Amino acid sequence: MSKDILKKILKNQNHSSKAQKVSLEDLDCTQYHIIDVRSPQVFALTPHISGALNFENFEALREFCLAHPDDKILLVCNGGLEAARVGTQLVDLGLSNIYFLDEYLQIIQEYLPLDNL
């Protein structure tokens, strides 16, 4: 499958979340704490956004977000679904500084550097 066809397939997604969706094309990473919400095992063994944080569990992530109420928190994963789900959980806890990226890593890598293992 060609890269262009793959991009068209992957772009046709729209995961719903109570977190605010961020456009990859307009993303300025310096404005966010980027957090990869995949499990630590997956994070360690697969490509991820350079400089992204990763937490052992939801409680650690929640504590980080609560400690940074005035900072923008951008959640990412492999394809947007988990970031959207976790974003909703954090917003339900009363956090209003939660954003998510609804993109696949195959698309993200065209805009941002990934740490490849």
C-alpha atoms as a PDB file:
ATOM      1  CA  MET A   1       0.000   0.000   0.000  1.00  0.00           C
ATOM      2  CA  SER A   2       1.409   3.387  -0.950  1.00  0.00           C
ATOM      3  CA  LYS A   3       2.148   6.030   1.650  1.00  0.00           C
ATOM      4  CA  ASP A   4      -0.425   8.415   0.117  1.00  0.00           C
ATOM      5  CA  ILE A   5      -3.189   5.814   0.283  1.00  0.00           C
ATOM      6  CA  LEU A   6      -2.253   4.975   3.862  1.00  0.00           C
ATOM      7  CA  LYS A   7      -2.387   8.667   4.790  1.00  0.00           C
ATOM      8  CA  LYS A   8      -5.888   9.010   3.297  1.00  0.00           C
ATOM      9  CA  ILE A   9      -7.109   5.995   5.244  1.00  0.00           C
ATOM     10  CA  LEU A  10      -5.544   7.152   8.505  1.00  0.00           C
ATOM     11  CA  LYS A  11      -6.771  10.736   8.146  1.00  0.00           C
ATOM     12  CA  ASN A  12     -10.417   9.627   8.088  1.00  0.00           C
ATOM     13  CA  GLN A  13     -10.812   9.308  11.824  1.00  0.00           C
ATOM     14  CA  ASN A  14     -12.534  11.393  14.420  1.00  0.00           C
ATOM     15  CA  HIS A  15     -12.306  10.139  17.967  1.00  0.00           C
ATOM     16  CA  SER A  16     -14.574  12.021  20.339  1.00  0.00           C
ATOM     17  CA  SER A  17     -13.283  13.341  23.621  1.00  0.00           C
ATOM     18  CA  LYS A  18     -14.061  15.954  26.218  1.00  0.00           C
ATOM     19  CA  ALA A  19     -10.436  17.066  25.810  1.00  0.00           C
ATOM     20  CA  GLN A  20      -9.719  19.674  23.174  1.00  0.00           C
ATOM     21  CA  LYS A  21      -8.526  18.324  19.826  1.00  0.00           C
ATOM     22  CA  VAL A  22      -5.332  19.865  18.431  1.00  0.00           C
ATOM     23  CA  SER A  23      -4.530  20.094  14.742  1.00  0.00           C
ATOM     24  CA  LEU A  24      -1.187  18.559  13.844  1.00  0.00           C
ATOM     25  CA  GLU A  25      -0.647  21.141  11.127  1.00  0.00           C
ATOM     26  CA  ASP A  26      -0.920  24.017  13.639  1.00  0.00           C
ATOM     27  CA  LEU A  27       0.864  22.316  16.539  1.00  0.00           C
ATOM     28  CA  ASP A  28       3.583  24.257  18.364  1.00  0.00           C
ATOM     29  CA  CYS A  29       5.111  21.675  20.700  1.00  0.00           C
ATOM     30  CA  THR A  30       6.741  24.352  22.846  1.00  0.00           C
ATOM     31  CA  GLN A  31       3.270  25.251  24.173  1.00  0.00           C
ATOM     32  CA  TYR A  32       2.566  21.795  25.647  1.00  0.00           C
ATOM     33  CA  HIS A  33       3.750  19.080  27.946  1.00  0.00           C
ATOM     34  CA  ILE A  34       3.467  16.143  25.532  1.00  0.00           C
ATOM     35  CA  ILE A  35       2.415  12.929  27.228  1.00  0.00           C
ATOM     36  CA  ASP A  36       2.276   9.576  25.470  1.00  0.00           C
ATOM     37  CA  VAL A  37      -0.524   7.666  27.188  1.00  0.00           C
ATOM     38  CA  ARG A  38       0.442   4.218  25.914  1.00  0.00           C
ATOM     39  CA  SER A  39       1.704   1.694  28.440  1.00  0.00           C
ATOM     40  CA  PRO A  40       5.333   2.105  29.536  1.00  0.00           C
ATOM     41  CA  GLN A  41       6.182  -1.191  27.829  1.00  0.00           C
ATOM     42  CA  VAL A  42       4.775  -0.083  24.468  1.00  0.00           C
ATOM     43  CA  PHE A  43       6.308   3.382  24.857  1.00  0.00           C
ATOM     44  CA  ALA A  44       9.750   1.872  25.512  1.00  0.00           C
ATOM     45  CA  LEU A  45       9.610  -0.549  22.584  1.00  0.00           C
ATOM     46  CA  THR A  46       8.065   1.573  19.824  1.00  0.00           C
ATOM     47  CA  PRO A  47       8.696   4.964  18.211  1.00  0.00           C
ATOM     48  CA  HIS A  48       7.306   7.950  20.094  1.00  0.00           C
ATOM     49  CA  ILE A  49       7.449  11.742  19.864  1.00  0.00           C
ATOM     50  CA  SER A  50      10.876  13.000  20.926  1.00  0.00           C
ATOM     51  CA  GLY A  51      10.723  14.440  24.413  1.00  0.00           C
ATOM     52  CA  ALA A  52       7.303  12.975  25.219  1.00  0.00           C
ATOM     53  CA  LEU A  53       6.660  11.977  28.804  1.00  0.00           C
ATOM     54  CA  ASN A  54       5.185   8.617  29.774  1.00  0.00           C
ATOM     55  CA  PHE A  55       3.772   7.543  33.112  1.00  0.00           C
ATOM     56  CA  GLU A  56       3.581   4.201  34.859  1.00  0.00           C
ATOM     57  CA  ASN A  57      -0.166   4.459  35.447  1.00  0.00           C
ATOM     58  CA  PHE A  58      -3.183   6.761  35.292  1.00  0.00           C
ATOM     59  CA  GLU A  59      -2.697   7.910  38.888  1.00  0.00           C
ATOM     60  CA  ALA A  60       0.806   9.219  38.107  1.00  0.00           C
ATOM     61  CA  LEU A  61      -0.521  10.965  34.999  1.00  0.00           C
ATOM     62  CA  ARG A  62      -3.371  12.499  36.998  1.00  0.00           C
ATOM     63  CA  GLU A  63      -0.952  13.789  39.643  1.00  0.00           C
ATOM     64  CA  PHE A  64       1.260  15.364  36.964  1.00  0.00           C
ATOM     65  CA  CYS A  65      -1.719  17.104  35.371  1.00  0.00           C
ATOM     66  CA  LEU A  66      -3.008  18.352  38.719  1.00  0.00           C
ATOM     67  CA  ALA A  67       0.474  19.713  39.498  1.00  0.00           C
ATOM     68  CA  HIS A  68       0.485  21.710  36.236  1.00  0.00           C
ATOM     69  CA  PRO A  69      -2.976  23.366  36.110  1.00  0.00           C
ATOM     70  CA  ASP A  70      -1.776  26.386  34.149  1.00  0.00           C
ATOM     71  CA  ASP A  71       0.147  24.405  31.528  1.00  0.00           C
ATOM     72  CA  LYS A  72      -1.303  22.850  28.397  1.00  0.00           C
ATOM     73  CA  ILE A  73      -1.142  19.045  28.471  1.00  0.00           C
ATOM     74  CA  LEU A  74      -1.176  17.299  25.073  1.00  0.00           C
ATOM     75  CA  LEU A  75      -2.025  13.598  25.089  1.00  0.00           C
ATOM     76  CA  VAL A  76      -0.839  11.355  22.269  1.00  0.00           C
ATOM     77  CA  CYS A  77      -0.848   7.643  21.502  1.00  0.00           C
ATOM     78  CA  ASN A  78      -0.483   5.490  18.403  1.00  0.00           C
ATOM     79  CA  GLY A  79      -3.706   6.562  16.725  1.00  0.00           C
ATOM     80  CA  GLY A  80      -5.684   9.005  18.861  1.00  0.00           C
ATOM     81  CA  LEU A  81      -8.236   6.657  20.434  1.00  0.00           C
ATOM     82  CA  GLU A  82      -6.465   6.135  23.767  1.00  0.00           C
ATOM     83  CA  ALA A  83      -5.472   9.825  23.971  1.00  0.00           C
ATOM     84  CA  ALA A  84      -9.129  10.777  23.441  1.00  0.00           C
ATOM     85  CA  ARG A  85     -10.310   8.313  26.110  1.00  0.00           C
ATOM     86  CA  VAL A  86      -7.749   9.403  28.713  1.00  0.00           C
ATOM     87  CA  GLY A  87      -8.445  13.042  27.852  1.00  0.00           C
ATOM     88  CA  THR A  88     -12.099  12.552  28.702  1.00  0.00           C
ATOM     89  CA  GLN A  89     -11.170  10.959  32.035  1.00  0.00           C
ATOM     90  CA  LEU A  90      -8.943  13.914  32.940  1.00  0.00           C
ATOM     91  CA  VAL A  91     -11.543  16.501  31.930  1.00  0.00           C
ATOM     92  CA  ASP A  92     -14.116  14.600  33.999  1.00  0.00           C
ATOM     93  CA  LEU A  93     -11.796  15.171  36.980  1.00  0.00           C
ATOM     94  CA  GLY A  94     -12.198  18.904  36.464  1.00  0.00           C
ATOM     95  CA  LEU A  95      -9.078  19.650  34.410  1.00  0.00           C
ATOM     96  CA  SER A  96      -9.533  22.198  31.637  1.00  0.00           C
ATOM     97  CA  ASN A  97      -5.974  22.215  30.267  1.00  0.00           C
ATOM     98  CA  ILE A  98      -6.158  18.842  28.507  1.00  0.00           C
ATOM     99  CA  TYR A  99      -5.674  18.496  24.744  1.00  0.00           C
ATOM    100  CA  PHE A 100      -5.231  15.477  22.491  1.00  0.00           C
ATOM    101  CA  LEU A 101      -3.784  14.679  19.103  1.00  0.00           C
ATOM    102  CA  ASP A 102      -6.088  12.515  16.982  1.00  0.00           C
ATOM    103  CA  GLU A 103      -3.437  11.232  14.578  1.00  0.00           C
ATOM    104  CA  TYR A 104      -1.513   8.069  13.830  1.00  0.00           C
ATOM    105  CA  LEU A 105       2.233   7.999  14.400  1.00  0.00           C
ATOM    106  CA  GLN A 106       2.686   7.349  10.678  1.00  0.00           C
ATOM    107  CA  ILE A 107       1.227  10.825  10.067  1.00  0.00           C
ATOM    108  CA  ILE A 108       2.820  12.502  13.102  1.00  0.00           C
ATOM    109  CA  GLN A 109       6.308  11.489  11.992  1.00  0.00           C
ATOM    110  CA  GLU A 110       5.962  13.769   8.961  1.00  0.00           C
ATOM    111  CA  TYR A 111       5.600  16.778  11.288  1.00  0.00           C
ATOM    112  CA  LEU A 112       7.511  15.903  14.447  1.00  0.00           C
ATOM    113  CA  PRO A 113      10.692  13.997  15.222  1.00  0.00           C
ATOM    114  CA  LEU A 114      10.173  10.555  16.680  1.00  0.00           C
ATOM    115  CA  ASP A 115      12.560   8.632  18.866  1.00  0.00           C
ATOM    116  CA  ASN A 116      13.000   5.377  16.982  1.00  0.00           C
ATOM    117  CA  LEU A 117      14.442   2.412  18.768  1.00  0.00           C
END
